[in-house]
Amino acid sequence: MESFSRSWGALREAVAGLSDRDFGQPSGCAGWLVRDLVCHLVIDAQDVLITLVTPADGQATADAASYWEVADRPPSGEDPLDALTVRLAAAYGDPGLLRFHLDDVGSAAGRAAQLADPALRVRTQDKVLTVADYLTAYVLEWTLHHLDLIARLPGAPPPPPEGPARSRALLEQIAGFAFPASFTDRDALLVGTGRRAPTPAERAELGDLASRLPLFLG
């Protein structure tokens, strides 16, 4: 719960510190500008709010790792929601409006997470999981998108160290293997999810595991 709050708070602070010009820069998400990514974060925050008020009966059917679906190819940009995100981001016009909307909805999502019962079971994407597992899954989401946000903005603040460390552990659980100890948490996340290709040295360190990467999470 605390990791969720810190990761989400740091990401929102990073967005708040962007200049208007930064919103037009490429992000670490292929095909998306920073403004598109921030618009996606608004939609994510709405999803968090909806899920936290959607209690479910019965036993959990997923945990923080199995919440994630692993695809065999990267997003093509043809998904209707992805296409809508780009159009919606452009419709904001003034980056200040997009910044304000994220702060408004994002603050509400953060408060809802702090007030939620960790043991409560909620439903999302046809899965039932505890609030604790759901928010743990979102630590990975926030951390990856924080790295996406600052990919070409060297002056922007990075995610707090706890986020990449916890996200790496969850990604290793999803992958079913551990990354070499020589990989930093950030490099494990970027290489592991296909945000950059491994260097020759990293590929040698990975050995046979290189053929099982990247993991396209959705």
Protein backbone atom coordinates (compact mmCIF):
# COMPACT_ATOMS: atom_id res chain seq x y z
CA MET A 1 0.00 0.00 0.00
CA GLU A 2 2.79 2.42 0.93
CA SER A 3 4.78 1.49 -2.18
CA PHE A 4 1.75 2.30 -4.32
CA SER A 5 1.36 5.71 -2.68
CA ARG A 6 5.04 6.60 -2.99
CA SER A 7 5.32 5.43 -6.61
CA TRP A 8 2.12 7.19 -7.66
CA GLY A 9 2.97 10.36 -5.77
CA ALA A 10 6.44 10.54 -7.33
CA LEU A 11 5.03 10.01 -10.82
CA ARG A 12 2.44 12.74 -10.38
CA GLU A 13 5.09 15.11 -9.03
CA ALA A 14 7.26 14.38 -12.06
CA VAL A 15 4.37 15.25 -14.38
CA ALA A 16 3.63 18.42 -12.41
CA GLY A 17 7.22 19.53 -12.94
CA LEU A 18 7.15 19.19 -16.73
CA SER A 19 7.28 22.25 -18.93
CA ASP A 20 4.68 22.71 -21.66
CA ARG A 21 7.40 21.91 -24.20
CA ASP A 22 8.12 18.59 -22.50
CA PHE A 23 4.62 17.36 -23.33
CA GLY A 24 5.54 17.32 -27.02
CA GLN A 25 8.65 15.19 -26.53
CA PRO A 26 8.72 11.44 -27.31
CA SER A 27 8.10 9.15 -24.34
CA GLY A 28 9.49 5.69 -23.70
CA CYS A 29 6.23 4.17 -25.00
CA ALA A 30 6.73 3.53 -28.71
CA GLY A 31 4.62 5.91 -30.78
CA TRP A 32 3.49 8.01 -27.83
CA LEU A 33 4.45 11.53 -26.94
CA VAL A 34 4.69 12.52 -23.30
CA ARG A 35 1.23 14.09 -23.57
CA ASP A 36 -0.19 10.73 -24.74
CA LEU A 37 1.42 8.96 -21.80
CA VAL A 38 0.04 11.51 -19.32
CA CYS A 39 -3.42 11.08 -20.83
CA HIS A 40 -3.02 7.32 -20.35
CA LEU A 41 -2.18 7.98 -16.69
CA VAL A 42 -5.47 9.86 -16.31
CA ILE A 43 -7.30 6.81 -17.66
CA ASP A 44 -5.29 4.56 -15.33
CA ALA A 45 -6.26 6.71 -12.36
CA GLN A 46 -9.91 6.40 -13.36
CA ASP A 47 -9.49 2.61 -13.55
CA VAL A 48 -8.04 2.57 -10.04
CA LEU A 49 -11.01 4.53 -8.70
CA ILE A 50 -13.50 2.26 -10.47
CA THR A 51 -11.81 -0.94 -9.33
CA LEU A 52 -11.53 0.11 -5.70
CA VAL A 53 -15.30 0.59 -5.55
CA THR A 54 -16.09 -2.66 -7.37
CA PRO A 55 -16.08 -5.30 -4.61
CA ALA A 56 -16.27 -8.96 -5.58
CA ASP A 57 -17.61 -12.06 -3.89
CA GLY A 58 -15.82 -15.38 -3.86
CA GLN A 59 -12.16 -16.30 -3.83
CA ALA A 60 -9.40 -14.40 -5.58
CA THR A 61 -8.60 -15.69 -9.06
CA ALA A 62 -5.38 -13.69 -9.54
CA ASP A 63 -2.55 -12.11 -7.60
CA ALA A 64 -0.18 -9.24 -8.41
CA ALA A 65 1.80 -11.37 -10.89
CA SER A 66 -1.03 -13.18 -12.66
CA TYR A 67 -2.94 -9.90 -12.98
CA TRP A 68 -0.60 -9.19 -15.90
CA GLU A 69 -1.16 -10.69 -19.34
CA VAL A 70 2.01 -11.37 -21.34
CA ALA A 71 1.65 -10.80 -25.09
CA ASP A 72 3.91 -12.24 -27.78
CA ARG A 73 4.34 -8.91 -29.56
CA PRO A 74 4.42 -5.21 -28.64
CA PRO A 75 1.32 -3.01 -28.93
CA SER A 76 0.68 -2.05 -32.54
CA GLY A 77 -1.15 1.18 -31.73
CA GLU A 78 -4.23 -0.17 -33.49
CA ASP A 79 -6.03 -1.06 -30.27
CA PRO A 80 -9.12 1.19 -30.05
CA LEU A 81 -8.25 2.44 -26.56
CA ASP A 82 -4.66 3.24 -27.56
CA ALA A 83 -5.94 5.18 -30.58
CA LEU A 84 -8.48 7.01 -28.42
CA THR A 85 -5.77 7.95 -25.93
CA VAL A 86 -3.74 9.73 -28.62
CA ARG A 87 -6.78 11.60 -29.95
CA LEU A 88 -7.91 12.54 -26.46
CA ALA A 89 -4.45 13.80 -25.50
CA ALA A 90 -4.35 16.03 -28.59
CA ALA A 91 -7.82 17.37 -27.78
CA TYR A 92 -6.59 18.85 -24.51
CA GLY A 93 -4.61 21.44 -26.48
CA ASP A 94 -3.19 23.25 -23.46
CA PRO A 95 -0.80 20.97 -21.51
CA GLY A 96 -1.88 22.77 -18.36
CA LEU A 97 -5.36 21.27 -18.67
CA LEU A 98 -3.93 17.77 -18.95
CA ARG A 99 -1.62 18.43 -16.01
CA PHE A 100 -4.57 19.67 -13.94
CA HIS A 101 -6.77 16.70 -14.85
CA LEU A 102 -4.10 14.22 -13.79
CA ASP A 103 -3.58 16.04 -10.51
CA ASP A 104 -7.34 16.12 -9.86
CA VAL A 105 -8.19 12.50 -10.71
CA GLY A 106 -4.80 11.21 -9.59
CA SER A 107 -5.12 12.73 -6.13
CA ALA A 108 -8.52 11.08 -5.74
CA ALA A 109 -7.11 7.70 -6.80
CA GLY A 110 -4.28 8.09 -4.30
CA ARG A 111 -6.67 8.88 -1.45
CA ALA A 112 -8.94 5.98 -2.40
CA ALA A 113 -5.97 3.60 -2.28
CA GLN A 114 -4.96 4.83 1.17
CA LEU A 115 -8.51 4.34 2.49
CA ALA A 116 -9.08 0.90 0.96
CA ASP A 117 -9.05 -2.32 2.98
CA PRO A 118 -6.04 -4.34 1.74
CA ALA A 119 -7.92 -7.61 2.23
CA LEU A 120 -11.01 -6.51 0.28
CA ARG A 121 -11.50 -8.45 -2.95
CA VAL A 122 -12.21 -6.39 -6.06
CA ARG A 123 -13.00 -7.22 -9.66
CA THR A 124 -11.25 -5.87 -12.75
CA GLN A 125 -10.65 -7.25 -16.25
CA ASP A 126 -12.63 -10.40 -15.38
CA LYS A 127 -10.26 -11.12 -12.50
CA VAL A 128 -10.85 -11.09 -8.74
CA LEU A 129 -7.95 -10.09 -6.52
CA THR A 130 -7.31 -8.43 -3.20
CA VAL A 131 -6.80 -4.69 -3.02
CA ALA A 132 -3.25 -5.35 -1.79
CA ASP A 133 -2.42 -7.44 -4.86
CA TYR A 134 -4.13 -4.98 -7.19
CA LEU A 135 -2.16 -2.03 -5.83
CA THR A 136 1.06 -4.07 -5.89
CA ALA A 137 0.48 -4.74 -9.59
CA TYR A 138 0.11 -1.01 -10.10
CA VAL A 139 3.50 -0.29 -8.51
CA LEU A 140 4.95 -1.98 -11.59
CA GLU A 141 2.63 0.07 -13.82
CA TRP A 142 3.60 3.37 -12.21
CA THR A 143 7.31 2.56 -12.18
CA LEU A 144 7.44 1.55 -15.83
CA HIS A 145 5.51 4.63 -16.86
CA HIS A 146 7.72 6.86 -14.74
CA LEU A 147 10.67 5.49 -16.69
CA ASP A 148 8.71 6.06 -19.91
CA LEU A 149 7.97 9.63 -18.88
CA ILE A 150 11.62 10.58 -18.32
CA ALA A 151 13.11 8.46 -21.12
CA ARG A 152 14.06 11.57 -23.14
CA LEU A 153 13.84 14.14 -20.36
CA PRO A 154 17.18 13.81 -18.56
CA GLY A 155 16.38 16.60 -16.11
CA ALA A 156 13.20 14.97 -14.78
CA PRO A 157 13.33 13.16 -11.41
CA PRO A 158 13.53 9.34 -11.49
CA PRO A 159 11.16 7.05 -9.60
CA PRO A 160 11.99 6.44 -5.94
CA PRO A 161 14.40 3.46 -5.58
CA GLU A 162 11.80 1.30 -3.83
CA GLY A 163 9.58 1.30 -6.93
CA PRO A 164 12.12 -0.22 -9.36
CA ALA A 165 13.27 -2.73 -6.72
CA ARG A 166 9.75 -3.99 -6.03
CA SER A 167 8.87 -3.87 -9.72
CA ARG A 168 11.90 -5.94 -10.64
CA ALA A 169 10.92 -8.57 -8.10
CA LEU A 170 7.39 -8.70 -9.53
CA LEU A 171 8.66 -8.83 -13.12
CA GLU A 172 10.93 -11.74 -12.17
CA GLN A 173 7.94 -13.51 -10.68
CA ILE A 174 6.01 -12.96 -13.91
CA ALA A 175 8.96 -14.11 -16.01
CA GLY A 176 9.70 -17.14 -13.87
CA PHE A 177 13.41 -16.36 -13.58
CA ALA A 178 15.73 -13.80 -11.99
CA PHE A 179 17.75 -11.28 -13.96
CA PRO A 180 21.52 -11.39 -13.50
CA ALA A 181 22.76 -9.58 -10.41
CA SER A 182 24.83 -7.31 -12.66
CA PHE A 183 21.61 -5.73 -13.99
CA THR A 184 20.43 -2.65 -12.17
CA ASP A 185 16.73 -2.60 -11.31
CA ARG A 186 16.15 0.00 -13.99
CA ASP A 187 17.98 -1.99 -16.66
CA ALA A 188 16.13 -5.18 -15.71
CA LEU A 189 12.82 -3.37 -16.19
CA LEU A 190 13.77 -1.68 -19.47
CA VAL A 191 15.31 -4.76 -21.06
CA GLY A 192 12.78 -7.14 -19.54
CA THR A 193 9.80 -5.28 -21.00
CA GLY A 194 11.38 -4.47 -24.36
CA ARG A 195 11.82 -0.78 -23.75
CA ARG A 196 15.39 -1.15 -24.93
CA ALA A 197 17.44 -3.96 -26.41
CA PRO A 198 20.10 -5.60 -24.26
CA THR A 199 23.70 -4.64 -24.91
CA PRO A 200 26.03 -7.40 -26.12
CA ALA A 201 27.39 -7.69 -22.58
CA GLU A 202 23.90 -7.92 -21.10
CA ARG A 203 22.88 -10.54 -23.67
CA ALA A 204 25.93 -12.59 -22.71
CA GLU A 205 24.97 -12.27 -19.05
CA LEU A 206 21.42 -13.41 -19.82
CA GLY A 207 22.58 -16.43 -21.79
CA ASP A 208 19.68 -18.69 -22.74
CA LEU A 209 17.26 -16.41 -20.87
CA ALA A 210 17.66 -13.78 -23.61
CA SER A 211 15.43 -15.87 -25.89
CA ARG A 212 12.57 -15.53 -23.37
CA LEU A 213 12.63 -11.76 -23.48
CA PRO A 214 11.12 -9.25 -23.81
CA LEU A 215 7.87 -9.60 -21.88
CA PHE A 216 5.15 -7.38 -23.35
CA LEU A 217 2.85 -6.70 -20.42
CA GLY A 218 -0.76 -5.73 -20.79
